[in-house]
């Protein structure tokens, strides 16, 4: 008979839960919220007016930033969000 301590059982349950959650599709509404929150809470991008659209896991971000560095930062941040399948970064650098 297999005996597990509480910590081992908890770790096993958390691992199984995380594995199951990874396979579940994320709704576009939830993905929109996650991407929007990631952009708004970023200390460098939070003040910019960026628009987010999501369809079947494909994310489109539009808007304006001051530098190419910030434009690339949008891409970096959005790609880290769990559930993003593709990103179309249409953010433009203002001149």
PDB file of N, CA and C in Angstrom:
ATOM      1  N   UNK A   1       0.842  -1.175   0.000  1.00  0.00           N
ATOM      2  CA  UNK A   1       0.000   0.000   0.000  1.00  0.00           C
ATOM      3  C   UNK A   1       0.894   1.248   0.000  1.00  0.00           C
ATOM      4  N   UNK A   2       0.573   2.198  -0.858  1.00  0.00           N
ATOM      5  CA  UNK A   2       1.330   3.432  -0.992  1.00  0.00           C
ATOM      6  C   UNK A   2       0.862   4.422   0.061  1.00  0.00           C
ATOM      7  N   UNK A   3       1.807   4.955   0.837  1.00  0.00           N
ATOM      8  CA  UNK A   3       1.468   5.947   1.863  1.00  0.00           C
ATOM      9  C   UNK A   3       2.181   7.249   1.528  1.00  0.00           C
ATOM     10  N   UNK A   4       1.418   8.320   1.496  1.00  0.00           N
ATOM     11  CA  UNK A   4       1.981   9.634   1.199  1.00  0.00           C
ATOM     12  C   UNK A   4       1.791  10.560   2.390  1.00  0.00           C
ATOM     13  N   UNK A   5       2.773  11.359   2.645  1.00  0.00           N
ATOM     14  CA  UNK A   5       2.643  12.398   3.656  1.00  0.00           C
ATOM     15  C   UNK A   5       1.817  13.530   3.077  1.00  0.00           C
ATOM     16  N   UNK A   6       1.300  14.382   3.917  1.00  0.00           N
ATOM     17  CA  UNK A   6       0.445  15.486   3.461  1.00  0.00           C
ATOM     18  C   UNK A   6       1.127  16.342   2.406  1.00  0.00           C
ATOM     19  N   UNK A   7       2.396  16.700   2.638  1.00  0.00           N
ATOM     20  CA  UNK A   7       3.112  17.540   1.666  1.00  0.00           C
ATOM     21  C   UNK A   7       3.251  16.843   0.325  1.00  0.00           C
ATOM     22  N   UNK A   8       3.546  15.564   0.350  1.00  0.00           N
ATOM     23  CA  UNK A   8       3.691  14.802  -0.895  1.00  0.00           C
ATOM     24  C   UNK A   8       2.354  14.707  -1.625  1.00  0.00           C
ATOM     25  N   UNK A   9       1.276  14.483  -0.865  1.00  0.00           N
ATOM     26  CA  UNK A   9      -0.052  14.401  -1.465  1.00  0.00           C
ATOM     27  C   UNK A   9      -0.448  15.740  -2.077  1.00  0.00           C
ATOM     28  N   UNK A  10      -0.188  16.825  -1.355  1.00  0.00           N
ATOM     29  CA  UNK A  10      -0.510  18.156  -1.867  1.00  0.00           C
ATOM     30  C   UNK A  10       0.275  18.456  -3.144  1.00  0.00           C
ATOM     31  N   UNK A  11       1.570  18.138  -3.148  1.00  0.00           N
ATOM     32  CA  UNK A  11       2.396  18.360  -4.337  1.00  0.00           C
ATOM     33  C   UNK A  11       1.884  17.540  -5.512  1.00  0.00           C
ATOM     34  N   UNK A  12       1.477  16.310  -5.267  1.00  0.00           N
ATOM     35  CA  UNK A  12       0.945  15.446  -6.319  1.00  0.00           C
ATOM     36  C   UNK A  12      -0.355  16.011  -6.886  1.00  0.00           C
ATOM     37  N   UNK A  13      -1.238  16.470  -5.987  1.00  0.00           N
ATOM     38  CA  UNK A  13      -2.510  17.041  -6.436  1.00  0.00           C
ATOM     39  C   UNK A  13      -2.304  18.326  -7.230  1.00  0.00           C
ATOM     40  N   UNK A  14      -1.392  19.177  -6.775  1.00  0.00           N
ATOM     41  CA  UNK A  14      -1.118  20.423  -7.491  1.00  0.00           C
ATOM     42  C   UNK A  14      -0.527  20.164  -8.864  1.00  0.00           C
ATOM     43  N   UNK A  15       0.345  19.178  -8.957  1.00  0.00           N
ATOM     44  CA  UNK A  15       0.948  18.826 -10.243  1.00  0.00           C
ATOM     45  C   UNK A  15      -0.107  18.300 -11.200  1.00  0.00           C
ATOM     46  N   UNK A  16      -0.974  17.442 -10.718  1.00  0.00           N
ATOM     47  CA  UNK A  16      -2.038  16.883 -11.559  1.00  0.00           C
ATOM     48  C   UNK A  16      -3.005  17.973 -11.984  1.00  0.00           C
ATOM     49  N   UNK A  17      -3.318  18.882 -11.078  1.00  0.00           N
ATOM     50  CA  UNK A  17      -4.228  19.976 -11.385  1.00  0.00           C
ATOM     51  C   UNK A  17      -3.639  20.891 -12.444  1.00  0.00           C
ATOM     52  N   UNK A  18      -2.371  21.223 -12.312  1.00  0.00           N
ATOM     53  CA  UNK A  18      -1.706  22.096 -13.280  1.00  0.00           C
ATOM     54  C   UNK A  18      -1.628  21.431 -14.643  1.00  0.00           C
ATOM     55  N   UNK A  19      -1.374  20.146 -14.673  1.00  0.00           N
ATOM     56  CA  UNK A  19      -1.285  19.433 -15.950  1.00  0.00           C
ATOM     57  C   UNK A  19      -2.631  19.417 -16.641  1.00  0.00           C
ATOM     58  N   UNK A  20      -3.694  19.220 -15.899  1.00  0.00           N
ATOM     59  CA  UNK A  20      -5.028  19.218 -16.492  1.00  0.00           C
ATOM     60  C   UNK A  20      -5.413  20.586 -16.997  1.00  0.00           C
ATOM     61  N   UNK A  21      -5.041  21.615 -16.250  1.00  0.00           N
ATOM     62  CA  UNK A  21      -5.388  22.982 -16.645  1.00  0.00           C
ATOM     63  C   UNK A  21      -4.669  23.395 -17.915  1.00  0.00           C
ATOM     64  N   UNK A  22      -3.494  22.840 -18.143  1.00  0.00           N
ATOM     65  CA  UNK A  22      -2.726  23.211 -19.331  1.00  0.00           C
ATOM     66  C   UNK A  22      -3.420  22.750 -20.608  1.00  0.00           C
ATOM     67  N   UNK A  23      -4.175  21.673 -20.508  1.00  0.00           N
ATOM     68  CA  UNK A  23      -4.849  21.124 -21.682  1.00  0.00           C
ATOM     69  C   UNK A  23      -6.176  21.813 -21.971  1.00  0.00           C
ATOM     70  N   UNK A  24      -6.737  22.491 -20.972  1.00  0.00           N
ATOM     71  CA  UNK A  24      -8.036  23.116 -21.151  1.00  0.00           C
ATOM     72  C   UNK A  24      -7.890  24.399 -21.974  1.00  0.00           C
ATOM     73  N   UNK A  25      -8.781  24.594 -22.950  1.00  0.00           N
ATOM     74  CA  UNK A  25      -8.715  25.828 -23.729  1.00  0.00           C
ATOM     75  C   UNK A  25      -9.122  27.029 -22.875  1.00  0.00           C
ATOM     76  N   UNK A  26      -8.523  28.156 -23.164  1.00  0.00           N
ATOM     77  CA  UNK A  26      -8.825  29.388 -22.448  1.00  0.00           C
ATOM     78  C   UNK A  26      -9.768  30.210 -23.304  1.00  0.00           C
ATOM     79  N   UNK A  27     -10.824  30.727 -22.689  1.00  0.00           N
ATOM     80  CA  UNK A  27     -11.791  31.514 -23.459  1.00  0.00           C
ATOM     81  C   UNK A  27     -11.149  32.814 -23.921  1.00  0.00           C
ATOM     82  N   UNK A  28     -11.679  33.344 -25.003  1.00  0.00           N
ATOM     83  CA  UNK A  28     -11.166  34.613 -25.527  1.00  0.00           C
ATOM     84  C   UNK A  28     -11.341  35.741 -24.516  1.00  0.00           C
ATOM     85  N   UNK A  29     -12.455  35.718 -23.762  1.00  0.00           N
ATOM     86  CA  UNK A  29     -12.686  36.755 -22.757  1.00  0.00           C
ATOM     87  C   UNK A  29     -11.620  36.712 -21.663  1.00  0.00           C
ATOM     88  N   UNK A  30     -11.304  35.517 -21.188  1.00  0.00           N
ATOM     89  CA  UNK A  30     -10.278  35.374 -20.157  1.00  0.00           C
ATOM     90  C   UNK A  30      -8.911  35.773 -20.702  1.00  0.00           C
ATOM     91  N   UNK A  31      -8.622  35.367 -21.929  1.00  0.00           N
ATOM     92  CA  UNK A  31      -7.350  35.721 -22.544  1.00  0.00           C
ATOM     93  C   UNK A  31      -7.241  37.233 -22.741  1.00  0.00           C
ATOM     94  N   UNK A  32      -8.322  37.859 -23.158  1.00  0.00           N
ATOM     95  CA  UNK A  32      -8.352  39.319 -23.292  1.00  0.00           C
ATOM     96  C   UNK A  32      -8.013  39.983 -21.958  1.00  0.00           C
ATOM     97  N   UNK A  33      -8.658  39.507 -20.888  1.00  0.00           N
ATOM     98  CA  UNK A  33      -8.403  40.066 -19.563  1.00  0.00           C
ATOM     99  C   UNK A  33      -6.945  39.898 -19.151  1.00  0.00           C
ATOM    100  N   UNK A  34      -6.392  38.720 -19.403  1.00  0.00           N
ATOM    101  CA  UNK A  34      -4.998  38.454 -19.023  1.00  0.00           C
ATOM    102  C   UNK A  34      -4.022  39.347 -19.788  1.00  0.00           C
ATOM    103  N   UNK A  35      -4.236  39.470 -21.098  1.00  0.00           N
ATOM    104  CA  UNK A  35      -3.340  40.292 -21.925  1.00  0.00           C
ATOM    105  C   UNK A  35      -3.474  41.759 -21.537  1.00  0.00           C
ATOM    106  N   UNK A  36      -4.703  42.222 -21.405  1.00  0.00           N
ATOM    107  CA  UNK A  36      -4.939  43.610 -21.042  1.00  0.00           C
ATOM    108  C   UNK A  36      -4.313  43.936 -19.689  1.00  0.00           C
ATOM    109  N   UNK A  37      -4.492  43.054 -18.720  1.00  0.00           N
ATOM    110  CA  UNK A  37      -3.925  43.258 -17.391  1.00  0.00           C
ATOM    111  C   UNK A  37      -2.394  43.292 -17.448  1.00  0.00           C
ATOM    112  N   UNK A  38      -1.816  42.401 -18.233  1.00  0.00           N
ATOM    113  CA  UNK A  38      -0.354  42.357 -18.349  1.00  0.00           C
ATOM    114  C   UNK A  38       0.183  43.665 -18.927  1.00  0.00           C
ATOM    115  N   UNK A  39      -0.507  44.217 -19.903  1.00  0.00           N
ATOM    116  CA  UNK A  39      -0.059  45.467 -20.521  1.00  0.00           C
ATOM    117  C   UNK A  39      -0.281  46.665 -19.601  1.00  0.00           C
ATOM    118  N   UNK A  40      -1.424  46.698 -18.952  1.00  0.00           N
ATOM    119  CA  UNK A  40      -1.760  47.833 -18.087  1.00  0.00           C
ATOM    120  C   UNK A  40      -0.868  47.876 -16.853  1.00  0.00           C
ATOM    121  N   UNK A  41      -0.525  46.727 -16.313  1.00  0.00           N
ATOM    122  CA  UNK A  41       0.271  46.713 -15.084  1.00  0.00           C
ATOM    123  C   UNK A  41       1.769  46.823 -15.339  1.00  0.00           C
ATOM    124  N   UNK A  42       2.173  46.778 -16.586  1.00  0.00           N
ATOM    125  CA  UNK A  42       3.585  46.957 -16.898  1.00  0.00           C
ATOM    126  C   UNK A  42       3.969  48.404 -16.637  1.00  0.00           C
ATOM    127  N   UNK A  43       5.069  48.619 -15.916  1.00  0.00           N
ATOM    128  CA  UNK A  43       5.440  49.981 -15.525  1.00  0.00           C
ATOM    129  C   UNK A  43       5.829  50.858 -16.709  1.00  0.00           C
ATOM    130  N   UNK A  44       6.260  50.262 -17.808  1.00  0.00           N
ATOM    131  CA  UNK A  44       6.654  51.058 -18.972  1.00  0.00           C
ATOM    132  C   UNK A  44       5.513  51.247 -19.973  1.00  0.00           C
ATOM    133  N   UNK A  45       4.583  50.314 -20.002  1.00  0.00           N
ATOM    134  CA  UNK A  45       3.510  50.381 -21.000  1.00  0.00           C
ATOM    135  C   UNK A  45       2.154  50.783 -20.429  1.00  0.00           C
ATOM    136  N   UNK A  46       2.031  50.774 -19.126  1.00  0.00           N
ATOM    137  CA  UNK A  46       0.744  51.002 -18.484  1.00  0.00           C
ATOM    138  C   UNK A  46       0.075  52.321 -18.801  1.00  0.00           C
ATOM    139  N   UNK A  47       0.844  53.313 -19.201  1.00  0.00           N
ATOM    140  CA  UNK A  47       0.268  54.635 -19.488  1.00  0.00           C
ATOM    141  C   UNK A  47      -0.126  54.810 -20.951  1.00  0.00           C
ATOM    142  N   UNK A  48       0.130  53.833 -21.764  1.00  0.00           N
ATOM    143  CA  UNK A  48      -0.161  53.933 -23.203  1.00  0.00           C
ATOM    144  C   UNK A  48      -1.558  53.404 -23.531  1.00  0.00           C
ATOM    145  N   UNK A  49      -2.165  54.011 -24.519  1.00  0.00           N
ATOM    146  CA  UNK A  49      -3.480  53.583 -24.989  1.00  0.00           C
ATOM    147  C   UNK A  49      -3.303  52.454 -25.994  1.00  0.00           C
ATOM    148  N   UNK A  50      -3.361  51.232 -25.521  1.00  0.00           N
ATOM    149  CA  UNK A  50      -3.225  50.071 -26.398  1.00  0.00           C
ATOM    150  C   UNK A  50      -4.542  49.313 -26.433  1.00  0.00           C
ATOM    151  N   UNK A  51      -4.934  48.924 -27.615  1.00  0.00           N
ATOM    152  CA  UNK A  51      -6.175  48.176 -27.799  1.00  0.00           C
ATOM    153  C   UNK A  51      -5.844  46.708 -28.033  1.00  0.00           C
ATOM    154  N   UNK A  52      -6.615  45.833 -27.409  1.00  0.00           N
ATOM    155  CA  UNK A  52      -6.401  44.390 -27.516  1.00  0.00           C
ATOM    156  C   UNK A  52      -7.648  43.745 -28.095  1.00  0.00           C
ATOM    157  N   UNK A  53      -7.446  42.879 -29.075  1.00  0.00           N
ATOM    158  CA  UNK A  53      -8.523  42.074 -29.642  1.00  0.00           C
ATOM    159  C   UNK A  53      -8.079  40.619 -29.597  1.00  0.00           C
ATOM    160  N   UNK A  54      -9.020  39.724 -29.290  1.00  0.00           N
ATOM    161  CA  UNK A  54      -8.697  38.299 -29.203  1.00  0.00           C
ATOM    162  C   UNK A  54      -9.750  37.507 -29.946  1.00  0.00           C
ATOM    163  N   UNK A  55      -9.295  36.554 -30.758  1.00  0.00           N
ATOM    164  CA  UNK A  55     -10.197  35.654 -31.459  1.00  0.00           C
ATOM    165  C   UNK A  55      -9.526  34.283 -31.560  1.00  0.00           C
ATOM    166  N   UNK A  56     -10.108  33.301 -30.924  1.00  0.00           N
ATOM    167  CA  UNK A  56      -9.599  31.920 -30.954  1.00  0.00           C
ATOM    168  C   UNK A  56      -8.124  31.838 -30.539  1.00  0.00           C
ATOM    169  N   UNK A  57      -7.763  32.614 -29.525  1.00  0.00           N
ATOM    170  CA  UNK A  57      -6.389  32.584 -29.024  1.00  0.00           C
ATOM    171  C   UNK A  57      -5.417  33.458 -29.791  1.00  0.00           C
ATOM    172  N   UNK A  58      -5.868  34.045 -30.901  1.00  0.00           N
ATOM    173  CA  UNK A  58      -5.023  34.946 -31.685  1.00  0.00           C
ATOM    174  C   UNK A  58      -5.229  36.372 -31.153  1.00  0.00           C
ATOM    175  N   UNK A  59      -4.142  37.013 -30.767  1.00  0.00           N
ATOM    176  CA  UNK A  59      -4.203  38.341 -30.156  1.00  0.00           C
ATOM    177  C   UNK A  59      -3.688  39.388 -31.144  1.00  0.00           C
ATOM    178  N   UNK A  60      -4.428  40.496 -31.250  1.00  0.00           N
ATOM    179  CA  UNK A  60      -4.009  41.654 -32.044  1.00  0.00           C
ATOM    180  C   UNK A  60      -3.925  42.839 -31.092  1.00  0.00           C
ATOM    181  N   UNK A  61      -2.772  43.501 -31.081  1.00  0.00           N
ATOM    182  CA  UNK A  61      -2.595  44.689 -30.247  1.00  0.00           C
ATOM    183  C   UNK A  61      -2.313  45.864 -31.169  1.00  0.00           C
ATOM    184  N   UNK A  62      -3.060  46.958 -30.975  1.00  0.00           N
ATOM    185  CA  UNK A  62      -2.873  48.171 -31.763  1.00  0.00           C
ATOM    186  C   UNK A  62      -2.665  49.350 -30.812  1.00  0.00           C
ATOM    187  N   UNK A  63      -2.106  50.409 -31.346  1.00  0.00           N
ATOM    188  CA  UNK A  63      -1.891  51.617 -30.566  1.00  0.00           C
ATOM    189  C   UNK A  63      -0.578  52.267 -30.938  1.00  0.00           C
ATOM    190  N   UNK A  64      -0.162  53.227 -30.097  1.00  0.00           N
ATOM    191  CA  UNK A  64       1.049  53.992 -30.363  1.00  0.00           C
ATOM    192  C   UNK A  64       1.939  54.007 -29.133  1.00  0.00           C
ATOM    193  N   UNK A  65       3.242  53.931 -29.364  1.00  0.00           N
ATOM    194  CA  UNK A  65       4.256  54.089 -28.319  1.00  0.00           C
ATOM    195  C   UNK A  65       5.343  55.019 -28.847  1.00  0.00           C
ATOM    196  N   UNK A  66       6.204  55.485 -27.941  1.00  0.00           N
ATOM    197  CA  UNK A  66       7.218  56.462 -28.329  1.00  0.00           C
ATOM    198  C   UNK A  66       8.471  55.858 -28.957  1.00  0.00           C
ATOM    199  N   UNK A  67       8.778  54.625 -28.633  1.00  0.00           N
ATOM    200  CA  UNK A  67      10.038  54.045 -29.105  1.00  0.00           C
ATOM    201  C   UNK A  67       9.854  52.621 -29.628  1.00  0.00           C
ATOM    202  N   UNK A  68      10.818  52.198 -30.451  1.00  0.00           N
ATOM    203  CA  UNK A  68      10.816  50.824 -30.954  1.00  0.00           C
ATOM    204  C   UNK A  68      11.017  49.837 -29.809  1.00  0.00           C
ATOM    205  N   UNK A  69      11.736  50.254 -28.777  1.00  0.00           N
ATOM    206  CA  UNK A  69      11.949  49.403 -27.599  1.00  0.00           C
ATOM    207  C   UNK A  69      10.612  49.065 -26.935  1.00  0.00           C
ATOM    208  N   UNK A  70       9.741  50.059 -26.800  1.00  0.00           N
ATOM    209  CA  UNK A  70       8.425  49.820 -26.214  1.00  0.00           C
ATOM    210  C   UNK A  70       7.562  48.944 -27.121  1.00  0.00           C
ATOM    211  N   UNK A  71       7.710  49.128 -28.415  1.00  0.00           N
ATOM    212  CA  UNK A  71       6.979  48.295 -29.375  1.00  0.00           C
ATOM    213  C   UNK A  71       7.363  46.829 -29.202  1.00  0.00           C
ATOM    214  N   UNK A  72       8.636  46.560 -29.031  1.00  0.00           N
ATOM    215  CA  UNK A  72       9.115  45.188 -28.821  1.00  0.00           C
ATOM    216  C   UNK A  72       8.694  44.670 -27.448  1.00  0.00           C
ATOM    217  N   UNK A  73       8.611  45.565 -26.484  1.00  0.00           N
ATOM    218  CA  UNK A  73       8.184  45.171 -25.140  1.00  0.00           C
ATOM    219  C   UNK A  73       6.754  44.648 -25.156  1.00  0.00           C
ATOM    220  N   UNK A  74       5.894  45.264 -25.954  1.00  0.00           N
ATOM    221  CA  UNK A  74       4.524  44.774 -26.101  1.00  0.00           C
ATOM    222  C   UNK A  74       4.551  43.300 -26.506  1.00  0.00           C
ATOM    223  N   UNK A  75       5.351  42.992 -27.495  1.00  0.00           N
ATOM    224  CA  UNK A  75       5.457  41.623 -27.992  1.00  0.00           C
ATOM    225  C   UNK A  75       5.956  40.680 -26.902  1.00  0.00           C
ATOM    226  N   UNK A  76       6.976  41.096 -26.202  1.00  0.00           N
ATOM    227  CA  UNK A  76       7.560  40.264 -25.145  1.00  0.00           C
ATOM    228  C   UNK A  76       6.533  39.956 -24.049  1.00  0.00           C
ATOM    229  N   UNK A  77       5.803  40.963 -23.641  1.00  0.00           N
ATOM    230  CA  UNK A  77       4.833  40.793 -22.564  1.00  0.00           C
ATOM    231  C   UNK A  77       3.667  39.912 -22.998  1.00  0.00           C
ATOM    232  N   UNK A  78       3.121  40.178 -24.171  1.00  0.00           N
ATOM    233  CA  UNK A  78       1.953  39.429 -24.633  1.00  0.00           C
ATOM    234  C   UNK A  78       2.300  37.961 -24.859  1.00  0.00           C
ATOM    235  N   UNK A  79       3.463  37.687 -25.402  1.00  0.00           N
ATOM    236  CA  UNK A  79       3.849  36.299 -25.662  1.00  0.00           C
ATOM    237  C   UNK A  79       4.017  35.483 -24.381  1.00  0.00           C
ATOM    238  N   UNK A  80       4.230  36.144 -23.255  1.00  0.00           N
ATOM    239  CA  UNK A  80       4.370  35.451 -21.976  1.00  0.00           C
ATOM    240  C   UNK A  80       3.027  35.051 -21.368  1.00  0.00           C
ATOM    241  N   UNK A  81       1.945  35.630 -21.880  1.00  0.00           N
ATOM    242  CA  UNK A  81       0.628  35.364 -21.313  1.00  0.00           C
ATOM    243  C   UNK A  81       0.174  33.962 -21.724  1.00  0.00           C
ATOM    244  N   UNK A  82      -0.194  33.174 -20.736  1.00  0.00           N
ATOM    245  CA  UNK A  82      -0.631  31.802 -20.981  1.00  0.00           C
ATOM    246  C   UNK A  82      -1.910  31.800 -21.816  1.00  0.00           C
ATOM    247  N   UNK A  83      -1.881  31.047 -22.898  1.00  0.00           N
ATOM    248  CA  UNK A  83      -3.055  30.916 -23.752  1.00  0.00           C
ATOM    249  C   UNK A  83      -2.941  31.639 -25.082  1.00  0.00           C
ATOM    250  N   UNK A  84      -1.956  32.529 -25.211  1.00  0.00           N
ATOM    251  CA  UNK A  84      -1.776  33.256 -26.470  1.00  0.00           C
ATOM    252  C   UNK A  84      -1.201  32.298 -27.510  1.00  0.00           C
ATOM    253  N   UNK A  85      -1.945  32.104 -28.585  1.00  0.00           N
ATOM    254  CA  UNK A  85      -1.479  31.217 -29.661  1.00  0.00           C
ATOM    255  C   UNK A  85      -0.642  31.981 -30.675  1.00  0.00           C
ATOM    256  N   UNK A  86      -1.133  33.133 -31.091  1.00  0.00           N
ATOM    257  CA  UNK A  86      -0.394  33.976 -32.030  1.00  0.00           C
ATOM    258  C   UNK A  86      -0.567  35.430 -31.615  1.00  0.00           C
ATOM    259  N   UNK A  87       0.369  36.258 -32.054  1.00  0.00           N
ATOM    260  CA  UNK A  87       0.305  37.692 -31.779  1.00  0.00           C
ATOM    261  C   UNK A  87       0.539  38.459 -33.063  1.00  0.00           C
ATOM    262  N   UNK A  88      -0.344  39.395 -33.338  1.00  0.00           N
ATOM    263  CA  UNK A  88      -0.171  40.354 -34.435  1.00  0.00           C
ATOM    264  C   UNK A  88       0.058  41.703 -33.768  1.00  0.00           C
ATOM    265  N   UNK A  89       1.315  42.101 -33.675  1.00  0.00           N
ATOM    266  CA  UNK A  89       1.684  43.350 -33.003  1.00  0.00           C
ATOM    267  C   UNK A  89       1.595  44.492 -34.008  1.00  0.00           C
ATOM    268  N   UNK A  90       0.492  45.231 -33.954  1.00  0.00           N
ATOM    269  CA  UNK A  90       0.291  46.361 -34.856  1.00  0.00           C
ATOM    270  C   UNK A  90       0.569  47.694 -34.165  1.00  0.00           C
ATOM    271  N   UNK A  91       1.246  47.641 -33.050  1.00  0.00           N
ATOM    272  CA  UNK A  91       1.611  48.859 -32.323  1.00  0.00           C
ATOM    273  C   UNK A  91       2.613  49.624 -33.160  1.00  0.00           C
ATOM    274  N   UNK A  92       2.380  50.924 -33.303  1.00  0.00           N
ATOM    275  CA  UNK A  92       3.247  51.767 -34.126  1.00  0.00           C
ATOM    276  C   UNK A  92       4.031  52.734 -33.251  1.00  0.00           C
ATOM    277  N   UNK A  93       5.193  53.106 -33.752  1.00  0.00           N
ATOM    278  CA  UNK A  93       6.043  54.069 -33.062  1.00  0.00           C
ATOM    279  C   UNK A  93       5.695  55.446 -33.578  1.00  0.00           C
ATOM    280  N   UNK A  94       5.339  56.349 -32.634  1.00  0.00           N
ATOM    281  CA  UNK A  94       5.011  57.723 -33.038  1.00  0.00           C
ATOM    282  C   UNK A  94       6.299  58.498 -33.306  1.00  0.00           C
ATOM    283  N   UNK A  95       6.248  59.388 -34.251  1.00  0.00           N
ATOM    284  CA  UNK A  95       7.453  60.138 -34.657  1.00  0.00           C
ATOM    285  C   UNK A  95       7.289  61.590 -34.332  1.00  0.00           C
TER     286      UNK A  95
END
